[in-house]
Amino acid sequence: MTEKTISYNEFLTVDVRVGTIIKAESFPEARRPAYKLWVDFGDDVGVKKSSAQITKVYQVENLPGQQVMGVVNFPAKQIGPFMSECLILGFADENGDIVLAGPKDKVPNGERML
């Protein structure tokens, strides 16, 4: 169900880009099981950190090298002792566990969703 119709110009204010996870660590201080991720969004945006509650679907050692989509123009948010600088996008599967959103085929880091 769509909650609100937005204009194309409103959509363009959300900067969604593709990046590659370059580092992933467990995040034992998080209230809910999560990983700390470092994502390379290319030369224009750089490397941004994020926390992701994806521990049910992914093993931390398998995340580096995976391309993901993220919102890179949200303000930073403190999550416990970790500063999250972007929002990594995902969808809930049939069990409610989060599956990361990313391109089917490899694209250059920093490409903006159009």
PDB file of N, CA and C in Angstrom:
ATOM      1  N   MET A   1       0.836  -1.176   0.000  1.00  0.00           N
ATOM      2  CA  MET A   1       0.000   0.000   0.000  1.00  0.00           C
ATOM      3  C   MET A   1       0.884   1.244   0.000  1.00  0.00           C
ATOM      4  N   THR A   2       0.673   2.137  -0.933  1.00  0.00           N
ATOM      5  CA  THR A   2       1.413   3.386  -1.017  1.00  0.00           C
ATOM      6  C   THR A   2       0.813   4.388  -0.053  1.00  0.00           C
ATOM      7  N   GLU A   3       1.666   5.005   0.747  1.00  0.00           N
ATOM      8  CA  GLU A   3       1.178   5.943   1.744  1.00  0.00           C
ATOM      9  C   GLU A   3       0.997   7.350   1.188  1.00  0.00           C
ATOM     10  N   LYS A   4       1.950   7.788   0.342  1.00  0.00           N
ATOM     11  CA  LYS A   4       1.879   9.155  -0.157  1.00  0.00           C
ATOM     12  C   LYS A   4       2.535   9.185  -1.526  1.00  0.00           C
ATOM     13  N   THR A   5       1.932   9.893  -2.442  1.00  0.00           N
ATOM     14  CA  THR A   5       2.524  10.107  -3.753  1.00  0.00           C
ATOM     15  C   THR A   5       3.496  11.269  -3.650  1.00  0.00           C
ATOM     16  N   ILE A   6       4.694  11.101  -4.225  1.00  0.00           N
ATOM     17  CA  ILE A   6       5.678  12.179  -4.233  1.00  0.00           C
ATOM     18  C   ILE A   6       6.017  12.538  -5.667  1.00  0.00           C
ATOM     19  N   SER A   7       6.582  13.700  -5.833  1.00  0.00           N
ATOM     20  CA  SER A   7       6.999  14.134  -7.164  1.00  0.00           C
ATOM     21  C   SER A   7       8.379  13.555  -7.474  1.00  0.00           C
ATOM     22  N   TYR A   8       8.729  13.574  -8.737  1.00  0.00           N
ATOM     23  CA  TYR A   8      10.062  13.113  -9.144  1.00  0.00           C
ATOM     24  C   TYR A   8      11.145  13.971  -8.483  1.00  0.00           C
ATOM     25  N   ASN A   9      10.905  15.273  -8.388  1.00  0.00           N
ATOM     26  CA  ASN A   9      11.885  16.158  -7.740  1.00  0.00           C
ATOM     27  C   ASN A   9      12.075  15.812  -6.268  1.00  0.00           C
ATOM     28  N   GLU A  10      10.999  15.414  -5.580  1.00  0.00           N
ATOM     29  CA  GLU A  10      11.136  14.967  -4.193  1.00  0.00           C
ATOM     30  C   GLU A  10      11.971  13.682  -4.124  1.00  0.00           C
ATOM     31  N   PHE A  11      11.722  12.766  -5.043  1.00  0.00           N
ATOM     32  CA  PHE A  11      12.489  11.517  -5.105  1.00  0.00           C
ATOM     33  C   PHE A  11      13.980  11.807  -5.276  1.00  0.00           C
ATOM     34  N   LEU A  12      14.302  12.791  -6.103  1.00  0.00           N
ATOM     35  CA  LEU A  12      15.702  13.116  -6.370  1.00  0.00           C
ATOM     36  C   LEU A  12      16.442  13.653  -5.150  1.00  0.00           C
ATOM     37  N   THR A  13      15.717  14.072  -4.114  1.00  0.00           N
ATOM     38  CA  THR A  13      16.388  14.559  -2.910  1.00  0.00           C
ATOM     39  C   THR A  13      17.006  13.405  -2.107  1.00  0.00           C
ATOM     40  N   VAL A  14      16.564  12.177  -2.361  1.00  0.00           N
ATOM     41  CA  VAL A  14      17.129  11.004  -1.694  1.00  0.00           C
ATOM     42  C   VAL A  14      18.279  10.491  -2.572  1.00  0.00           C
ATOM     43  N   ASP A  15      19.486  10.567  -2.061  1.00  0.00           N
ATOM     44  CA  ASP A  15      20.680  10.187  -2.821  1.00  0.00           C
ATOM     45  C   ASP A  15      21.005   8.711  -2.543  1.00  0.00           C
ATOM     46  N   VAL A  16      20.497   7.837  -3.415  1.00  0.00           N
ATOM     47  CA  VAL A  16      20.737   6.395  -3.290  1.00  0.00           C
ATOM     48  C   VAL A  16      21.853   6.018  -4.252  1.00  0.00           C
ATOM     49  N   ARG A  17      22.913   5.437  -3.704  1.00  0.00           N
ATOM     50  CA  ARG A  17      24.078   5.058  -4.511  1.00  0.00           C
ATOM     51  C   ARG A  17      24.466   3.626  -4.235  1.00  0.00           C
ATOM     52  N   VAL A  18      25.215   3.078  -5.166  1.00  0.00           N
ATOM     53  CA  VAL A  18      25.752   1.731  -4.993  1.00  0.00           C
ATOM     54  C   VAL A  18      27.179   1.833  -4.456  1.00  0.00           C
ATOM     55  N   GLY A  19      27.508   0.910  -3.579  1.00  0.00           N
ATOM     56  CA  GLY A  19      28.855   0.852  -3.031  1.00  0.00           C
ATOM     57  C   GLY A  19      29.240  -0.589  -2.744  1.00  0.00           C
ATOM     58  N   THR A  20      30.508  -0.789  -2.475  1.00  0.00           N
ATOM     59  CA  THR A  20      31.031  -2.121  -2.164  1.00  0.00           C
ATOM     60  C   THR A  20      31.457  -2.162  -0.705  1.00  0.00           C
ATOM     61  N   ILE A  21      31.001  -3.181  -0.002  1.00  0.00           N
ATOM     62  CA  ILE A  21      31.423  -3.369   1.382  1.00  0.00           C
ATOM     63  C   ILE A  21      32.908  -3.713   1.377  1.00  0.00           C
ATOM     64  N   ILE A  22      33.714  -2.908   2.065  1.00  0.00           N
ATOM     65  CA  ILE A  22      35.156  -3.166   2.094  1.00  0.00           C
ATOM     66  C   ILE A  22      35.600  -3.746   3.435  1.00  0.00           C
ATOM     67  N   LYS A  23      34.748  -3.599   4.461  1.00  0.00           N
ATOM     68  CA  LYS A  23      35.081  -4.125   5.780  1.00  0.00           C
ATOM     69  C   LYS A  23      33.780  -4.381   6.527  1.00  0.00           C
ATOM     70  N   ALA A  24      33.752  -5.480   7.292  1.00  0.00           N
ATOM     71  CA  ALA A  24      32.587  -5.807   8.113  1.00  0.00           C
ATOM     72  C   ALA A  24      33.073  -6.399   9.428  1.00  0.00           C
ATOM     73  N   GLU A  25      32.433  -5.984  10.515  1.00  0.00           N
ATOM     74  CA  GLU A  25      32.785  -6.479  11.848  1.00  0.00           C
ATOM     75  C   GLU A  25      31.520  -6.763  12.631  1.00  0.00           C
ATOM     76  N   SER A  26      31.610  -7.660  13.594  1.00  0.00           N
ATOM     77  CA  SER A  26      30.515  -7.873  14.535  1.00  0.00           C
ATOM     78  C   SER A  26      30.319  -6.603  15.343  1.00  0.00           C
ATOM     79  N   PHE A  27      29.109  -6.411  15.841  1.00  0.00           N
ATOM     80  CA  PHE A  27      28.767  -5.224  16.622  1.00  0.00           C
ATOM     81  C   PHE A  27      28.092  -5.686  17.916  1.00  0.00           C
ATOM     82  N   PRO A  28      28.878  -6.260  18.837  1.00  0.00           N
ATOM     83  CA  PRO A  28      28.291  -6.840  20.051  1.00  0.00           C
ATOM     84  C   PRO A  28      27.628  -5.815  20.969  1.00  0.00           C
ATOM     85  N   GLU A  29      27.963  -4.529  20.843  1.00  0.00           N
ATOM     86  CA  GLU A  29      27.377  -3.495  21.702  1.00  0.00           C
ATOM     87  C   GLU A  29      25.968  -3.093  21.250  1.00  0.00           C
ATOM     88  N   ALA A  30      25.567  -3.486  20.061  1.00  0.00           N
ATOM     89  CA  ALA A  30      24.244  -3.113  19.543  1.00  0.00           C
ATOM     90  C   ALA A  30      23.146  -3.783  20.368  1.00  0.00           C
ATOM     91  N   ARG A  31      22.012  -3.106  20.503  1.00  0.00           N
ATOM     92  CA  ARG A  31      20.882  -3.676  21.250  1.00  0.00           C
ATOM     93  C   ARG A  31      20.332  -4.920  20.570  1.00  0.00           C
ATOM     94  N   ARG A  32      20.246  -4.885  19.246  1.00  0.00           N
ATOM     95  CA  ARG A  32      19.825  -6.053  18.458  1.00  0.00           C
ATOM     96  C   ARG A  32      21.035  -6.510  17.652  1.00  0.00           C
ATOM     97  N   PRO A  33      21.152  -7.812  17.394  1.00  0.00           N
ATOM     98  CA  PRO A  33      22.319  -8.307  16.647  1.00  0.00           C
ATOM     99  C   PRO A  33      22.523  -7.534  15.342  1.00  0.00           C
ATOM    100  N   ALA A  34      23.751  -7.058  15.131  1.00  0.00           N
ATOM    101  CA  ALA A  34      24.056  -6.240  13.955  1.00  0.00           C
ATOM    102  C   ALA A  34      25.536  -6.367  13.602  1.00  0.00           C
ATOM    103  N   TYR A  35      25.858  -5.871  12.417  1.00  0.00           N
ATOM    104  CA  TYR A  35      27.243  -5.771  11.969  1.00  0.00           C
ATOM    105  C   TYR A  35      27.562  -4.298  11.733  1.00  0.00           C
ATOM    106  N   LYS A  36      28.845  -3.956  11.865  1.00  0.00           N
ATOM    107  CA  LYS A  36      29.362  -2.660  11.435  1.00  0.00           C
ATOM    108  C   LYS A  36      29.880  -2.863  10.016  1.00  0.00           C
ATOM    109  N   LEU A  37      29.505  -1.979   9.115  1.00  0.00           N
ATOM    110  CA  LEU A  37      29.936  -2.071   7.721  1.00  0.00           C
ATOM    111  C   LEU A  37      30.637  -0.786   7.305  1.00  0.00           C
ATOM    112  N   TRP A  38      31.674  -0.929   6.493  1.00  0.00           N
ATOM    113  CA  TRP A  38      32.343   0.181   5.829  1.00  0.00           C
ATOM    114  C   TRP A  38      32.118  -0.030   4.343  1.00  0.00           C
ATOM    115  N   VAL A  39      31.500   0.957   3.691  1.00  0.00           N
ATOM    116  CA  VAL A  39      31.094   0.820   2.290  1.00  0.00           C
ATOM    117  C   VAL A  39      31.763   1.899   1.457  1.00  0.00           C
ATOM    118  N   ASP A  40      32.424   1.487   0.381  1.00  0.00           N
ATOM    119  CA  ASP A  40      33.071   2.412  -0.553  1.00  0.00           C
ATOM    120  C   ASP A  40      32.047   2.843  -1.592  1.00  0.00           C
ATOM    121  N   PHE A  41      31.630   4.118  -1.523  1.00  0.00           N
ATOM    122  CA  PHE A  41      30.666   4.674  -2.466  1.00  0.00           C
ATOM    123  C   PHE A  41      31.330   5.478  -3.576  1.00  0.00           C
ATOM    124  N   GLY A  42      32.578   5.213  -3.871  1.00  0.00           N
ATOM    125  CA  GLY A  42      33.257   5.874  -4.976  1.00  0.00           C
ATOM    126  C   GLY A  42      33.907   7.186  -4.586  1.00  0.00           C
ATOM    127  N   ASP A  43      34.582   7.803  -5.565  1.00  0.00           N
ATOM    128  CA  ASP A  43      35.387   9.002  -5.325  1.00  0.00           C
ATOM    129  C   ASP A  43      34.578  10.198  -4.821  1.00  0.00           C
ATOM    130  N   ASP A  44      33.364  10.401  -5.335  1.00  0.00           N
ATOM    131  CA  ASP A  44      32.580  11.580  -4.951  1.00  0.00           C
ATOM    132  C   ASP A  44      32.068  11.512  -3.517  1.00  0.00           C
ATOM    133  N   VAL A  45      31.736  10.318  -3.036  1.00  0.00           N
ATOM    134  CA  VAL A  45      31.143  10.153  -1.704  1.00  0.00           C
ATOM    135  C   VAL A  45      32.159   9.614  -0.705  1.00  0.00           C
ATOM    136  N   GLY A  46      32.988   8.691  -1.134  1.00  0.00           N
ATOM    137  CA  GLY A  46      33.995   8.093  -0.268  1.00  0.00           C
ATOM    138  C   GLY A  46      33.468   6.897   0.505  1.00  0.00           C
ATOM    139  N   VAL A  47      34.179   6.532   1.563  1.00  0.00           N
ATOM    140  CA  VAL A  47      33.807   5.397   2.407  1.00  0.00           C
ATOM    141  C   VAL A  47      32.911   5.908   3.530  1.00  0.00           C
ATOM    142  N   LYS A  48      31.768   5.249   3.712  1.00  0.00           N
ATOM    143  CA  LYS A  48      30.841   5.595   4.790  1.00  0.00           C
ATOM    144  C   LYS A  48      30.599   4.358   5.647  1.00  0.00           C
ATOM    145  N   LYS A  49      30.354   4.605   6.941  1.00  0.00           N
ATOM    146  CA  LYS A  49      30.086   3.528   7.894  1.00  0.00           C
ATOM    147  C   LYS A  49      28.581   3.393   8.112  1.00  0.00           C
ATOM    148  N   SER A  50      28.160   2.158   8.398  1.00  0.00           N
ATOM    149  CA  SER A  50      26.764   1.910   8.709  1.00  0.00           C
ATOM    150  C   SER A  50      26.650   0.700   9.622  1.00  0.00           C
ATOM    151  N   SER A  51      25.572   0.639  10.352  1.00  0.00           N
ATOM    152  CA  SER A  51      25.224  -0.523  11.158  1.00  0.00           C
ATOM    153  C   SER A  51      24.050  -1.208  10.470  1.00  0.00           C
ATOM    154  N   ALA A  52      24.098  -2.541  10.367  1.00  0.00           N
ATOM    155  CA  ALA A  52      23.031  -3.264   9.683  1.00  0.00           C
ATOM    156  C   ALA A  52      22.636  -4.510  10.473  1.00  0.00           C
ATOM    157  N   GLN A  53      21.338  -4.662  10.686  1.00  0.00           N
ATOM    158  CA  GLN A  53      20.806  -5.825  11.396  1.00  0.00           C
ATOM    159  C   GLN A  53      20.542  -6.945  10.389  1.00  0.00           C
ATOM    160  N   ILE A  54      21.636  -7.571   9.951  1.00  0.00           N
ATOM    161  CA  ILE A  54      21.563  -8.583   8.888  1.00  0.00           C
ATOM    162  C   ILE A  54      22.220  -9.894   9.310  1.00  0.00           C
ATOM    163  N   THR A  55      22.338 -10.116  10.615  1.00  0.00           N
ATOM    164  CA  THR A  55      23.095 -11.262  11.119  1.00  0.00           C
ATOM    165  C   THR A  55      22.412 -12.597  10.871  1.00  0.00           C
ATOM    166  N   LYS A  56      21.110 -12.608  10.647  1.00  0.00           N
ATOM    167  CA  LYS A  56      20.393 -13.873  10.407  1.00  0.00           C
ATOM    168  C   LYS A  56      20.658 -14.421   9.004  1.00  0.00           C
ATOM    169  N   VAL A  57      20.911 -13.519   8.052  1.00  0.00           N
ATOM    170  CA  VAL A  57      21.045 -13.925   6.648  1.00  0.00           C
ATOM    171  C   VAL A  57      22.503 -13.999   6.206  1.00  0.00           C
ATOM    172  N   TYR A  58      23.376 -13.175   6.801  1.00  0.00           N
ATOM    173  CA  TYR A  58      24.755 -13.044   6.315  1.00  0.00           C
ATOM    174  C   TYR A  58      25.763 -13.389   7.402  1.00  0.00           C
ATOM    175  N   GLN A  59      26.867 -13.987   6.982  1.00  0.00           N
ATOM    176  CA  GLN A  59      28.025 -14.201   7.845  1.00  0.00           C
ATOM    177  C   GLN A  59      28.973 -13.028   7.617  1.00  0.00           C
ATOM    178  N   VAL A  60      29.513 -12.474   8.687  1.00  0.00           N
ATOM    179  CA  VAL A  60      30.328 -11.264   8.606  1.00  0.00           C
ATOM    180  C   VAL A  60      31.502 -11.434   7.633  1.00  0.00           C
ATOM    181  N   GLU A  61      32.103 -12.610   7.596  1.00  0.00           N
ATOM    182  CA  GLU A  61      33.275 -12.818   6.742  1.00  0.00           C
ATOM    183  C   GLU A  61      32.928 -12.870   5.255  1.00  0.00           C
ATOM    184  N   ASN A  62      31.654 -13.044   4.911  1.00  0.00           N
ATOM    185  CA  ASN A  62      31.244 -13.107   3.507  1.00  0.00           C
ATOM    186  C   ASN A  62      30.783 -11.760   2.946  1.00  0.00           C
ATOM    187  N   LEU A  63      30.721 -10.735   3.768  1.00  0.00           N
ATOM    188  CA  LEU A  63      30.192  -9.441   3.316  1.00  0.00           C
ATOM    189  C   LEU A  63      31.171  -8.603   2.494  1.00  0.00           C
ATOM    190  N   PRO A  64      32.470  -8.545   2.836  1.00  0.00           N
ATOM    191  CA  PRO A  64      33.364  -7.735   2.003  1.00  0.00           C
ATOM    192  C   PRO A  64      33.338  -8.195   0.541  1.00  0.00           C
ATOM    193  N   GLY A  65      33.252  -7.183  -0.342  1.00  0.00           N
ATOM    194  CA  GLY A  65      33.181  -7.449  -1.777  1.00  0.00           C
ATOM    195  C   GLY A  65      31.770  -7.400  -2.329  1.00  0.00           C
ATOM    196  N   GLN A  66      30.766  -7.430  -1.464  1.00  0.00           N
ATOM    197  CA  GLN A  66      29.378  -7.401  -1.917  1.00  0.00           C
ATOM    198  C   GLN A  66      28.947  -5.969  -2.188  1.00  0.00           C
ATOM    199  N   GLN A  67      28.270  -5.763  -3.318  1.00  0.00           N
ATOM    200  CA  GLN A  67      27.740  -4.439  -3.624  1.00  0.00           C
ATOM    201  C   GLN A  67      26.358  -4.280  -3.004  1.00  0.00           C
ATOM    202  N   VAL A  68      26.128  -3.082  -2.442  1.00  0.00           N
ATOM    203  CA  VAL A  68      24.869  -2.759  -1.787  1.00  0.00           C
ATOM    204  C   VAL A  68      24.405  -1.378  -2.213  1.00  0.00           C
ATOM    205  N   MET A  69      23.147  -1.086  -1.932  1.00  0.00           N
ATOM    206  CA  MET A  69      22.598   0.241  -2.172  1.00  0.00           C
ATOM    207  C   MET A  69      22.440   0.938  -0.833  1.00  0.00           C
ATOM    208  N   GLY A  70      22.721   2.237  -0.815  1.00  0.00           N
ATOM    209  CA  GLY A  70      22.583   2.979   0.428  1.00  0.00           C
ATOM    210  C   GLY A  70      22.184   4.419   0.188  1.00  0.00           C
ATOM    211  N   VAL A  71      21.485   4.975   1.162  1.00  0.00           N
ATOM    212  CA  VAL A  71      21.157   6.401   1.154  1.00  0.00           C
ATOM    213  C   VAL A  71      22.343   7.107   1.792  1.00  0.00           C
ATOM    214  N   VAL A  72      22.988   7.993   1.024  1.00  0.00           N
ATOM    215  CA  VAL A  72      24.227   8.614   1.492  1.00  0.00           C
ATOM    216  C   VAL A  72      24.048  10.060   1.950  1.00  0.00           C
ATOM    217  N   ASN A  73      22.827  10.597   1.888  1.00  0.00           N
ATOM    218  CA  ASN A  73      22.642  11.989   2.305  1.00  0.00           C
ATOM    219  C   ASN A  73      21.744  12.143   3.529  1.00  0.00           C
ATOM    220  N   PHE A  74      21.656  11.098   4.359  1.00  0.00           N
ATOM    221  CA  PHE A  74      21.035  11.236   5.677  1.00  0.00           C
ATOM    222  C   PHE A  74      22.070  11.798   6.637  1.00  0.00           C
ATOM    223  N   PRO A  75      21.631  12.478   7.689  1.00  0.00           N
ATOM    224  CA  PRO A  75      22.606  12.904   8.694  1.00  0.00           C
ATOM    225  C   PRO A  75      23.140  11.690   9.455  1.00  0.00           C
ATOM    226  N   ALA A  76      24.353  11.817   9.972  1.00  0.00           N
ATOM    227  CA  ALA A  76      24.951  10.735  10.759  1.00  0.00           C
ATOM    228  C   ALA A  76      24.092  10.480  11.990  1.00  0.00           C
ATOM    229  N   LYS A  77      24.098   9.209  12.446  1.00  0.00           N
ATOM    230  CA  LYS A  77      23.287   8.818  13.600  1.00  0.00           C
ATOM    231  C   LYS A  77      24.130   7.973  14.539  1.00  0.00           C
ATOM    232  N   GLN A  78      24.144   8.343  15.813  1.00  0.00           N
ATOM    233  CA  GLN A  78      24.890   7.584  16.821  1.00  0.00           C
ATOM    234  C   GLN A  78      24.110   6.328  17.177  1.00  0.00           C
ATOM    235  N   ILE A  79      24.748   5.171  17.027  1.00  0.00           N
ATOM    236  CA  ILE A  79      24.148   3.891  17.410  1.00  0.00           C
ATOM    237  C   ILE A  79      25.088   3.265  18.426  1.00  0.00           C
ATOM    238  N   GLY A  80      24.770   3.442  19.691  1.00  0.00           N
ATOM    239  CA  GLY A  80      25.682   3.004  20.747  1.00  0.00           C
ATOM    240  C   GLY A  80      27.003   3.733  20.584  1.00  0.00           C
ATOM    241  N   PRO A  81      28.120   3.001  20.594  1.00  0.00           N
ATOM    242  CA  PRO A  81      29.427   3.640  20.459  1.00  0.00           C
ATOM    243  C   PRO A  81      29.842   3.867  18.996  1.00  0.00           C
ATOM    244  N   PHE A  82      28.948   3.614  18.045  1.00  0.00           N
ATOM    245  CA  PHE A  82      29.276   3.640  16.616  1.00  0.00           C
ATOM    246  C   PHE A  82      28.478   4.744  15.924  1.00  0.00           C
ATOM    247  N   MET A  83      29.145   5.516  15.061  1.00  0.00           N
ATOM    248  CA  MET A  83      28.476   6.567  14.299  1.00  0.00           C
ATOM    249  C   MET A  83      28.142   6.037  12.909  1.00  0.00           C
ATOM    250  N   SER A  84      26.845   5.888  12.622  1.00  0.00           N
ATOM    251  CA  SER A  84      26.387   5.426  11.315  1.00  0.00           C
ATOM    252  C   SER A  84      26.253   6.632  10.396  1.00  0.00           C
ATOM    253  N   GLU A  85      26.852   6.552   9.203  1.00  0.00           N
ATOM    254  CA  GLU A  85      26.899   7.697   8.286  1.00  0.00           C
ATOM    255  C   GLU A  85      26.009   7.540   7.053  1.00  0.00           C
ATOM    256  N   CYS A  86      25.377   6.384   6.902  1.00  0.00           N
ATOM    257  CA  CYS A  86      24.496   6.149   5.760  1.00  0.00           C
ATOM    258  C   CYS A  86      23.506   5.059   6.145  1.00  0.00           C
ATOM    259  N   LEU A  87      22.480   4.883   5.321  1.00  0.00           N
ATOM    260  CA  LEU A  87      21.481   3.848   5.546  1.00  0.00           C
ATOM    261  C   LEU A  87      21.600   2.821   4.428  1.00  0.00           C
ATOM    262  N   ILE A  88      22.009   1.609   4.777  1.00  0.00           N
ATOM    263  CA  ILE A  88      22.083   0.525   3.800  1.00  0.00           C
ATOM    264  C   ILE A  88      20.669  -0.014   3.604  1.00  0.00           C
ATOM    265  N   LEU A  89      20.267  -0.208   2.349  1.00  0.00           N
ATOM    266  CA  LEU A  89      18.900  -0.608   2.039  1.00  0.00           C
ATOM    267  C   LEU A  89      18.752  -2.125   1.973  1.00  0.00           C
ATOM    268  N   GLY A  90      17.586  -2.593   2.358  1.00  0.00           N
ATOM    269  CA  GLY A  90      17.291  -4.017   2.314  1.00  0.00           C
ATOM    270  C   GLY A  90      15.795  -4.245   2.402  1.00  0.00           C
ATOM    271  N   PHE A  91      15.424  -5.507   2.281  1.00  0.00           N
ATOM    272  CA  PHE A  91      14.024  -5.915   2.318  1.00  0.00           C
ATOM    273  C   PHE A  91      13.879  -7.099   3.253  1.00  0.00           C
ATOM    274  N   ALA A  92      12.734  -7.193   3.930  1.00  0.00           N
ATOM    275  CA  ALA A  92      12.474  -8.329   4.797  1.00  0.00           C
ATOM    276  C   ALA A  92      12.061  -9.533   3.949  1.00  0.00           C
ATOM    277  N   ASP A  93      12.643 -10.698   4.280  1.00  0.00           N
ATOM    278  CA  ASP A  93      12.236 -11.930   3.603  1.00  0.00           C
ATOM    279  C   ASP A  93      10.996 -12.501   4.298  1.00  0.00           C
ATOM    280  N   GLU A  94      10.600 -13.711   3.925  1.00  0.00           N
ATOM    281  CA  GLU A  94       9.382 -14.313   4.485  1.00  0.00           C
ATOM    282  C   GLU A  94       9.470 -14.536   6.000  1.00  0.00           C
ATOM    283  N   ASN A  95      10.681 -14.547   6.551  1.00  0.00           N
ATOM    284  CA  ASN A  95      10.865 -14.709   7.993  1.00  0.00           C
ATOM    285  C   ASN A  95      11.035 -13.378   8.716  1.00  0.00           C
ATOM    286  N   GLY A  96      11.029 -12.277   7.980  1.00  0.00           N
ATOM    287  CA  GLY A  96      11.240 -10.971   8.572  1.00  0.00           C
ATOM    288  C   GLY A  96      12.708 -10.591   8.704  1.00  0.00           C
ATOM    289  N   ASP A  97      13.604 -11.435   8.179  1.00  0.00           N
ATOM    290  CA  ASP A  97      15.037 -11.149   8.218  1.00  0.00           C
ATOM    291  C   ASP A  97      15.413 -10.279   7.024  1.00  0.00           C
ATOM    292  N   ILE A  98      16.377  -9.375   7.228  1.00  0.00           N
ATOM    293  CA  ILE A  98      16.715  -8.390   6.200  1.00  0.00           C
ATOM    294  C   ILE A  98      17.698  -8.959   5.180  1.00  0.00           C
ATOM    295  N   VAL A  99      17.339  -8.782   3.910  1.00  0.00           N
ATOM    296  CA  VAL A  99      18.175  -9.143   2.767  1.00  0.00           C
ATOM    297  C   VAL A  99      18.628  -7.838   2.126  1.00  0.00           C
ATOM    298  N   LEU A 100      19.926  -7.699   1.914  1.00  0.00           N
ATOM    299  CA  LEU A 100      20.482  -6.464   1.367  1.00  0.00           C
ATOM    300  C   LEU A 100      20.020  -6.207  -0.067  1.00  0.00           C
ATOM    301  N   ALA A 101      19.788  -4.931  -0.386  1.00  0.00           N
ATOM    302  CA  ALA A 101      19.459  -4.510  -1.744  1.00  0.00           C
ATOM    303  C   ALA A 101      20.748  -4.133  -2.457  1.00  0.00           C
ATOM    304  N   GLY A 102      20.874  -4.586  -3.692  1.00  0.00           N
ATOM    305  CA  GLY A 102      22.049  -4.257  -4.485  1.00  0.00           C
ATOM    306  C   GLY A 102      21.796  -4.575  -5.944  1.00  0.00           C
ATOM    307  N   PRO A 103      22.685  -4.131  -6.815  1.00  0.00           N
ATOM    308  CA  PRO A 103      22.500  -4.408  -8.238  1.00  0.00           C
ATOM    309  C   PRO A 103      22.722  -5.883  -8.537  1.00  0.00           C
ATOM    310  N   LYS A 104      22.009  -6.374  -9.544  1.00  0.00           N
ATOM    311  CA  LYS A 104      22.171  -7.767  -9.978  1.00  0.00           C
ATOM    312  C   LYS A 104      23.543  -7.969 -10.606  1.00  0.00           C
ATOM    313  N   ASP A 105      23.965  -6.999 -11.397  1.00  0.00           N
ATOM    314  CA  ASP A 105      25.277  -7.042 -12.044  1.00  0.00           C
ATOM    315  C   ASP A 105      26.149  -5.947 -11.443  1.00  0.00           C
ATOM    316  N   LYS A 106      27.456  -6.157 -11.481  1.00  0.00           N
ATOM    317  CA  LYS A 106      28.392  -5.184 -10.902  1.00  0.00           C
ATOM    318  C   LYS A 106      28.327  -3.866 -11.670  1.00  0.00           C
ATOM    319  N   VAL A 107      28.280  -2.774 -10.898  1.00  0.00           N
ATOM    320  CA  VAL A 107      28.318  -1.430 -11.470  1.00  0.00           C
ATOM    321  C   VAL A 107      29.380  -0.636 -10.715  1.00  0.00           C
ATOM    322  N   PRO A 108      29.843   0.477 -11.281  1.00  0.00           N
ATOM    323  CA  PRO A 108      30.871   1.267 -10.589  1.00  0.00           C
ATOM    324  C   PRO A 108      30.373   1.814  -9.260  1.00  0.00           C
ATOM    325  N   ASN A 109      31.223   1.771  -8.244  1.00  0.00           N
ATOM    326  CA  ASN A 109      30.881   2.361  -6.958  1.00  0.00           C
ATOM    327  C   ASN A 109      30.559   3.842  -7.149  1.00  0.00           C
ATOM    328  N   GLY A 110      29.517   4.281  -6.442  1.00  0.00           N
ATOM    329  CA  GLY A 110      29.117   5.685  -6.513  1.00  0.00           C
ATOM    330  C   GLY A 110      28.017   5.961  -7.513  1.00  0.00           C
ATOM    331  N   GLU A 111      27.681   4.986  -8.359  1.00  0.00           N
ATOM    332  CA  GLU A 111      26.580   5.223  -9.311  1.00  0.00           C
ATOM    333  C   GLU A 111      25.309   5.521  -8.556  1.00  0.00           C
ATOM    334  N   ARG A 112      24.602   6.529  -9.022  1.00  0.00           N
ATOM    335  CA  ARG A 112      23.361   6.950  -8.369  1.00  0.00           C
ATOM    336  C   ARG A 112      22.167   6.222  -8.977  1.00  0.00           C
ATOM    337  N   MET A 113      21.229   5.835  -8.119  1.00  0.00           N
ATOM    338  CA  MET A 113      20.001   5.205  -8.616  1.00  0.00           C
ATOM    339  C   MET A 113      19.184   6.254  -9.351  1.00  0.00           C
ATOM    340  N   LEU A 114      18.733   5.897 -10.520  1.00  0.00           N
ATOM    341  CA  LEU A 114      17.950   6.826 -11.349  1.00  0.00           C
ATOM    342  C   LEU A 114      16.518   6.376 -11.472  1.00  0.00           C
TER     343      LEU A 114
END
